[in-house]
Amino acid sequence: MSRHFMLYADGGSRGNPGEAAFGAVISEDGKVLVELSERIGIATNNVAEYSGLIAGLRAINELDPSAQVLVRMDSKLIVEQMNGNWKIKNPEMRKMAIQAKDAHPANLIRYEWIPRELNSDADSLVNLALDS
């Protein structure tokens, strides 16, 4: 039986572009297993969001490369792009989408948009990284 992880990922920049960071929270059965956050230098908000997604998926793949994953993000853009509903026009974001698809088997991942207030744990990690 495969494991099921939930990934909350977020990213932000102070200025767009500006100082940027990501946050990601990985849980299983309601228990937080991993929290990730990192400053990534000067970047756009969307690059920071993708960075959180990629870091989270890579961490999940290290835990269990056959795990089912539900990704929940407050970035409508990234959720729709990763679901294949919206085109990725920006070349840098296209590369990051490929990195996300390579981080964990795409057929094992579902993407779901959530309102910002439901992503507060990952958002807090973004701000913690930016403030440190």
N, C-alpha and C. Protein backbone atom coordinates (compact mmCIF):
# COMPACT_ATOMS: atom_id res chain seq x y z
N MET A 1 0.84 -1.18 0.00
CA MET A 1 0.00 0.00 0.00
C MET A 1 0.89 1.24 0.00
N SER A 2 0.58 2.16 -0.87
CA SER A 2 1.43 3.35 -0.99
C SER A 2 1.10 4.37 0.09
N ARG A 3 2.11 5.17 0.39
CA ARG A 3 1.94 6.24 1.36
C ARG A 3 1.26 7.42 0.67
N HIS A 4 0.59 8.25 1.46
CA HIS A 4 -0.08 9.44 0.94
C HIS A 4 0.43 10.66 1.71
N PHE A 5 1.02 11.57 0.98
CA PHE A 5 1.53 12.80 1.58
C PHE A 5 0.71 13.99 1.12
N MET A 6 0.67 14.99 1.98
CA MET A 6 0.09 16.27 1.60
C MET A 6 1.22 17.29 1.62
N LEU A 7 1.30 18.08 0.56
CA LEU A 7 2.32 19.12 0.45
C LEU A 7 1.64 20.46 0.33
N TYR A 8 1.92 21.33 1.29
CA TYR A 8 1.53 22.74 1.20
C TYR A 8 2.79 23.49 0.82
N ALA A 9 2.75 24.22 -0.29
CA ALA A 9 3.92 24.96 -0.74
C ALA A 9 3.54 26.41 -1.00
N ASP A 10 4.50 27.29 -0.76
CA ASP A 10 4.26 28.71 -0.96
C ASP A 10 5.59 29.37 -1.29
N GLY A 11 5.49 30.55 -1.82
CA GLY A 11 6.67 31.36 -2.11
C GLY A 11 6.27 32.80 -2.10
N GLY A 12 7.24 33.65 -1.91
CA GLY A 12 6.94 35.07 -1.90
C GLY A 12 8.18 35.89 -2.15
N SER A 13 7.95 37.12 -2.60
CA SER A 13 9.06 38.05 -2.79
C SER A 13 8.64 39.41 -2.26
N ARG A 14 9.59 40.11 -1.73
CA ARG A 14 9.34 41.47 -1.24
C ARG A 14 9.83 42.40 -2.34
N GLY A 15 8.87 42.81 -3.16
CA GLY A 15 9.14 43.44 -4.44
C GLY A 15 8.93 42.34 -5.46
N ASN A 16 8.67 42.68 -6.68
CA ASN A 16 8.42 41.62 -7.68
C ASN A 16 9.06 41.99 -9.01
N PRO A 17 10.34 41.65 -9.22
CA PRO A 17 11.15 40.78 -8.37
C PRO A 17 11.72 41.51 -7.15
N GLY A 18 12.13 40.71 -6.19
CA GLY A 18 12.73 41.22 -4.97
C GLY A 18 13.29 40.06 -4.18
N GLU A 19 13.72 40.33 -2.94
CA GLU A 19 14.20 39.25 -2.08
C GLU A 19 13.10 38.21 -1.98
N ALA A 20 13.44 36.96 -2.23
CA ALA A 20 12.43 35.92 -2.33
C ALA A 20 12.80 34.71 -1.49
N ALA A 21 11.77 33.94 -1.13
CA ALA A 21 11.95 32.71 -0.36
C ALA A 21 10.77 31.79 -0.62
N PHE A 22 10.95 30.54 -0.23
CA PHE A 22 9.85 29.57 -0.32
C PHE A 22 9.67 28.89 1.02
N GLY A 23 8.51 28.27 1.16
CA GLY A 23 8.21 27.44 2.31
C GLY A 23 7.42 26.23 1.84
N ALA A 24 7.61 25.11 2.50
CA ALA A 24 6.88 23.89 2.17
C ALA A 24 6.68 23.07 3.44
N VAL A 25 5.49 22.50 3.56
CA VAL A 25 5.15 21.66 4.70
C VAL A 25 4.64 20.32 4.15
N ILE A 26 5.27 19.25 4.59
CA ILE A 26 4.89 17.90 4.16
C ILE A 26 4.29 17.17 5.35
N SER A 27 3.10 16.63 5.14
CA SER A 27 2.47 15.88 6.23
C SER A 27 1.95 14.54 5.71
N GLU A 28 1.75 13.64 6.67
CA GLU A 28 1.18 12.32 6.38
C GLU A 28 0.23 12.00 7.52
N ASP A 29 -1.00 11.67 7.18
CA ASP A 29 -2.03 11.36 8.19
C ASP A 29 -2.16 12.48 9.22
N GLY A 30 -2.05 13.74 8.77
CA GLY A 30 -2.23 14.88 9.65
C GLY A 30 -1.02 15.23 10.50
N LYS A 31 0.07 14.47 10.37
CA LYS A 31 1.29 14.72 11.16
C LYS A 31 2.34 15.36 10.26
N VAL A 32 2.86 16.50 10.69
CA VAL A 32 3.90 17.18 9.92
C VAL A 32 5.19 16.38 10.01
N LEU A 33 5.74 16.03 8.84
CA LEU A 33 6.99 15.27 8.77
C LEU A 33 8.19 16.16 8.45
N VAL A 34 7.97 17.13 7.57
CA VAL A 34 9.08 17.97 7.09
C VAL A 34 8.58 19.39 6.90
N GLU A 35 9.39 20.33 7.33
CA GLU A 35 9.17 21.75 7.02
C GLU A 35 10.43 22.26 6.34
N LEU A 36 10.25 22.93 5.21
CA LEU A 36 11.37 23.47 4.44
C LEU A 36 11.17 24.96 4.22
N SER A 37 12.23 25.70 4.29
CA SER A 37 12.18 27.11 3.90
C SER A 37 13.58 27.56 3.54
N GLU A 38 13.64 28.47 2.58
CA GLU A 38 14.94 28.93 2.12
C GLU A 38 14.80 30.24 1.36
N ARG A 39 15.75 31.13 1.60
CA ARG A 39 15.85 32.34 0.78
C ARG A 39 16.48 31.94 -0.54
N ILE A 40 16.00 32.52 -1.63
CA ILE A 40 16.54 32.16 -2.95
C ILE A 40 17.12 33.35 -3.69
N GLY A 41 17.30 34.47 -2.98
CA GLY A 41 17.87 35.66 -3.61
C GLY A 41 16.79 36.50 -4.27
N ILE A 42 17.17 37.22 -5.30
CA ILE A 42 16.23 38.09 -6.02
C ILE A 42 15.48 37.23 -7.04
N ALA A 43 14.16 37.24 -6.92
CA ALA A 43 13.33 36.45 -7.83
C ALA A 43 11.91 37.01 -7.81
N THR A 44 11.10 36.54 -8.75
CA THR A 44 9.69 36.92 -8.76
C THR A 44 8.92 36.03 -7.79
N ASN A 45 7.72 36.45 -7.48
CA ASN A 45 6.84 35.66 -6.63
C ASN A 45 6.58 34.29 -7.25
N ASN A 46 6.36 34.24 -8.56
CA ASN A 46 6.06 32.96 -9.22
C ASN A 46 7.25 32.01 -9.17
N VAL A 47 8.46 32.53 -9.34
CA VAL A 47 9.65 31.68 -9.23
C VAL A 47 9.77 31.13 -7.81
N ALA A 48 9.48 31.97 -6.82
CA ALA A 48 9.53 31.52 -5.42
C ALA A 48 8.49 30.43 -5.17
N GLU A 49 7.28 30.60 -5.73
CA GLU A 49 6.23 29.58 -5.58
C GLU A 49 6.68 28.25 -6.19
N TYR A 50 7.21 28.30 -7.41
CA TYR A 50 7.70 27.07 -8.05
C TYR A 50 8.83 26.45 -7.24
N SER A 51 9.70 27.28 -6.66
CA SER A 51 10.81 26.76 -5.86
C SER A 51 10.30 25.97 -4.66
N GLY A 52 9.24 26.46 -4.01
CA GLY A 52 8.65 25.73 -2.89
C GLY A 52 8.06 24.40 -3.33
N LEU A 53 7.40 24.42 -4.47
CA LEU A 53 6.82 23.18 -5.01
C LEU A 53 7.91 22.16 -5.31
N ILE A 54 8.96 22.59 -5.99
CA ILE A 54 10.05 21.68 -6.37
C ILE A 54 10.74 21.11 -5.13
N ALA A 55 11.06 21.97 -4.18
CA ALA A 55 11.72 21.51 -2.95
C ALA A 55 10.86 20.49 -2.21
N GLY A 56 9.55 20.77 -2.12
CA GLY A 56 8.65 19.85 -1.44
C GLY A 56 8.54 18.51 -2.14
N LEU A 57 8.41 18.54 -3.46
CA LEU A 57 8.31 17.28 -4.21
C LEU A 57 9.59 16.47 -4.14
N ARG A 58 10.73 17.14 -4.17
CA ARG A 58 12.01 16.41 -4.05
C ARG A 58 12.12 15.75 -2.68
N ALA A 59 11.71 16.45 -1.64
CA ALA A 59 11.76 15.89 -0.29
C ALA A 59 10.83 14.69 -0.17
N ILE A 60 9.66 14.78 -0.76
CA ILE A 60 8.73 13.65 -0.74
C ILE A 60 9.32 12.47 -1.49
N ASN A 61 9.92 12.73 -2.62
CA ASN A 61 10.52 11.65 -3.41
C ASN A 61 11.62 10.94 -2.63
N GLU A 62 12.35 11.69 -1.81
CA GLU A 62 13.38 11.06 -0.97
C GLU A 62 12.75 10.19 0.11
N LEU A 63 11.60 10.62 0.64
CA LEU A 63 10.91 9.84 1.66
C LEU A 63 10.33 8.56 1.09
N ASP A 64 9.70 8.68 -0.09
CA ASP A 64 9.06 7.52 -0.72
C ASP A 64 8.78 7.84 -2.19
N PRO A 65 9.60 7.32 -3.10
CA PRO A 65 9.42 7.63 -4.52
C PRO A 65 8.14 7.09 -5.14
N SER A 66 7.40 6.26 -4.40
CA SER A 66 6.14 5.72 -4.93
C SER A 66 4.92 6.32 -4.24
N ALA A 67 5.11 7.36 -3.45
CA ALA A 67 4.01 7.93 -2.68
C ALA A 67 3.05 8.72 -3.54
N GLN A 68 1.79 8.67 -3.15
CA GLN A 68 0.75 9.53 -3.72
C GLN A 68 0.88 10.90 -3.03
N VAL A 69 0.68 11.97 -3.77
CA VAL A 69 0.86 13.31 -3.21
C VAL A 69 -0.32 14.20 -3.61
N LEU A 70 -0.85 14.91 -2.62
CA LEU A 70 -1.80 15.97 -2.87
C LEU A 70 -1.06 17.28 -2.58
N VAL A 71 -0.89 18.08 -3.63
CA VAL A 71 -0.24 19.39 -3.50
C VAL A 71 -1.34 20.43 -3.35
N ARG A 72 -1.25 21.23 -2.32
CA ARG A 72 -2.22 22.31 -2.09
C ARG A 72 -1.45 23.63 -2.07
N MET A 73 -1.82 24.52 -2.98
CA MET A 73 -1.14 25.81 -3.10
C MET A 73 -2.17 26.92 -3.30
N ASP A 74 -1.80 28.13 -2.88
CA ASP A 74 -2.68 29.27 -3.10
C ASP A 74 -2.33 30.03 -4.38
N SER A 75 -1.41 29.49 -5.17
CA SER A 75 -1.08 30.08 -6.46
C SER A 75 -1.93 29.42 -7.54
N LYS A 76 -2.98 30.12 -7.95
CA LYS A 76 -3.85 29.61 -9.01
C LYS A 76 -3.04 29.35 -10.28
N LEU A 77 -2.10 30.26 -10.57
CA LEU A 77 -1.27 30.13 -11.77
C LEU A 77 -0.53 28.79 -11.79
N ILE A 78 0.16 28.49 -10.72
CA ILE A 78 0.97 27.26 -10.71
C ILE A 78 0.08 26.02 -10.70
N VAL A 79 -0.99 26.03 -9.93
CA VAL A 79 -1.88 24.88 -9.90
C VAL A 79 -2.45 24.62 -11.30
N GLU A 80 -2.92 25.66 -11.96
CA GLU A 80 -3.49 25.48 -13.30
C GLU A 80 -2.43 25.07 -14.32
N GLN A 81 -1.23 25.62 -14.20
CA GLN A 81 -0.16 25.22 -15.12
C GLN A 81 0.23 23.76 -14.90
N MET A 82 0.38 23.35 -13.65
CA MET A 82 0.78 21.97 -13.38
C MET A 82 -0.33 20.98 -13.70
N ASN A 83 -1.58 21.42 -13.65
CA ASN A 83 -2.69 20.56 -14.06
C ASN A 83 -2.85 20.52 -15.58
N GLY A 84 -2.07 21.32 -16.29
CA GLY A 84 -2.13 21.33 -17.75
C GLY A 84 -3.26 22.17 -18.31
N ASN A 85 -3.90 22.97 -17.47
CA ASN A 85 -5.02 23.79 -17.92
C ASN A 85 -4.60 25.13 -18.52
N TRP A 86 -3.45 25.64 -18.09
CA TRP A 86 -2.96 26.92 -18.59
C TRP A 86 -1.58 26.72 -19.20
N LYS A 87 -1.32 27.42 -20.28
CA LYS A 87 -0.01 27.37 -20.92
C LYS A 87 1.03 28.07 -20.05
N ILE A 88 2.26 27.63 -20.19
CA ILE A 88 3.38 28.26 -19.49
C ILE A 88 4.17 29.03 -20.53
N LYS A 89 3.99 30.33 -20.55
CA LYS A 89 4.61 31.16 -21.58
C LYS A 89 6.03 31.59 -21.21
N ASN A 90 6.27 31.83 -19.92
CA ASN A 90 7.58 32.30 -19.48
C ASN A 90 8.59 31.16 -19.53
N PRO A 91 9.73 31.36 -20.23
CA PRO A 91 10.71 30.27 -20.37
C PRO A 91 11.28 29.79 -19.03
N GLU A 92 11.54 30.70 -18.09
CA GLU A 92 12.08 30.29 -16.80
C GLU A 92 11.06 29.44 -16.03
N MET A 93 9.80 29.85 -16.08
CA MET A 93 8.77 29.07 -15.40
C MET A 93 8.54 27.73 -16.09
N ARG A 94 8.70 27.69 -17.40
CA ARG A 94 8.57 26.42 -18.12
C ARG A 94 9.64 25.44 -17.64
N LYS A 95 10.87 25.94 -17.45
CA LYS A 95 11.96 25.08 -16.94
C LYS A 95 11.63 24.59 -15.52
N MET A 96 11.07 25.48 -14.71
CA MET A 96 10.76 25.09 -13.34
C MET A 96 9.61 24.07 -13.30
N ALA A 97 8.66 24.19 -14.20
CA ALA A 97 7.57 23.21 -14.28
C ALA A 97 8.13 21.84 -14.64
N ILE A 98 9.10 21.81 -15.52
CA ILE A 98 9.75 20.55 -15.88
C ILE A 98 10.49 19.97 -14.68
N GLN A 99 11.17 20.83 -13.92
CA GLN A 99 11.86 20.38 -12.70
C GLN A 99 10.86 19.78 -11.71
N ALA A 100 9.70 20.42 -11.58
CA ALA A 100 8.67 19.90 -10.69
C ALA A 100 8.18 18.53 -11.17
N LYS A 101 7.98 18.39 -12.47
CA LYS A 101 7.52 17.11 -13.02
C LYS A 101 8.57 16.02 -12.86
N ASP A 102 9.85 16.43 -12.88
CA ASP A 102 10.94 15.47 -12.72
C ASP A 102 11.22 15.12 -11.26
N ALA A 103 10.69 15.91 -10.33
CA ALA A 103 10.99 15.73 -8.91
C ALA A 103 10.27 14.52 -8.30
N HIS A 104 9.12 14.18 -8.85
CA HIS A 104 8.33 13.05 -8.36
C HIS A 104 7.41 12.64 -9.51
N PRO A 105 7.10 11.35 -9.66
CA PRO A 105 6.28 10.93 -10.79
C PRO A 105 4.96 11.71 -10.89
N ALA A 106 4.76 12.35 -12.03
CA ALA A 106 3.60 13.22 -12.22
C ALA A 106 2.28 12.48 -12.07
N ASN A 107 2.24 11.21 -12.41
CA ASN A 107 0.99 10.44 -12.30
C ASN A 107 0.60 10.16 -10.85
N LEU A 108 1.51 10.45 -9.91
CA LEU A 108 1.22 10.22 -8.49
C LEU A 108 0.83 11.50 -7.76
N ILE A 109 0.73 12.61 -8.52
CA ILE A 109 0.49 13.92 -7.90
C ILE A 109 -0.84 14.50 -8.36
N ARG A 110 -1.58 15.04 -7.40
CA ARG A 110 -2.77 15.84 -7.70
C ARG A 110 -2.52 17.25 -7.18
N TYR A 111 -2.99 18.24 -7.92
CA TYR A 111 -2.82 19.64 -7.54
C TYR A 111 -4.17 20.24 -7.24
N GLU A 112 -4.21 21.00 -6.15
CA GLU A 112 -5.46 21.62 -5.72
C GLU A 112 -5.18 23.06 -5.28
N TRP A 113 -5.98 23.99 -5.80
CA TRP A 113 -5.87 25.38 -5.37
C TRP A 113 -6.63 25.55 -4.06
N ILE A 114 -6.03 26.32 -3.14
CA ILE A 114 -6.68 26.64 -1.87
C ILE A 114 -6.58 28.14 -1.63
N PRO A 115 -7.50 28.71 -0.87
CA PRO A 115 -7.37 30.12 -0.51
C PRO A 115 -6.13 30.35 0.36
N ARG A 116 -5.59 31.56 0.28
CA ARG A 116 -4.36 31.90 0.99
C ARG A 116 -4.43 31.57 2.48
N GLU A 117 -5.58 31.82 3.11
CA GLU A 117 -5.67 31.59 4.55
C GLU A 117 -5.53 30.12 4.94
N LEU A 118 -5.72 29.20 4.00
CA LEU A 118 -5.53 27.78 4.28
C LEU A 118 -4.09 27.33 4.05
N ASN A 119 -3.24 28.26 3.63
CA ASN A 119 -1.84 27.94 3.37
C ASN A 119 -0.93 28.69 4.34
N SER A 120 -1.43 28.98 5.53
CA SER A 120 -0.71 29.85 6.46
C SER A 120 0.58 29.24 6.99
N ASP A 121 0.66 27.92 7.14
CA ASP A 121 1.89 27.31 7.65
C ASP A 121 3.05 27.48 6.66
N ALA A 122 2.79 27.21 5.39
CA ALA A 122 3.84 27.39 4.39
C ALA A 122 4.18 28.87 4.24
N ASP A 123 3.17 29.73 4.29
CA ASP A 123 3.39 31.17 4.20
C ASP A 123 4.25 31.67 5.36
N SER A 124 4.01 31.16 6.56
CA SER A 124 4.81 31.55 7.72
C SER A 124 6.28 31.17 7.52
N LEU A 125 6.53 30.03 6.89
CA LEU A 125 7.91 29.61 6.62
C LEU A 125 8.58 30.54 5.62
N VAL A 126 7.82 31.03 4.64
CA VAL A 126 8.35 32.00 3.67
C VAL A 126 8.81 33.25 4.42
N ASN A 127 7.93 33.77 5.26
CA ASN A 127 8.26 35.00 5.99
C ASN A 127 9.39 34.79 6.97
N LEU A 128 9.45 33.64 7.60
CA LEU A 128 10.56 33.33 8.50
C LEU A 128 11.89 33.36 7.75
N ALA A 129 11.92 32.77 6.57
CA ALA A 129 13.15 32.77 5.76
C ALA A 129 13.51 34.19 5.33
N LEU A 130 12.51 34.98 4.93
CA LEU A 130 12.78 36.34 4.49
C LEU A 130 13.24 37.25 5.63
N ASP A 131 12.76 36.98 6.84
CA ASP A 131 13.12 37.80 8.00
C ASP A 131 14.44 37.40 8.64
N SER A 132 14.96 36.24 8.30
CA SER A 132 16.20 35.77 8.94
C SER A 132 17.44 36.27 8.23
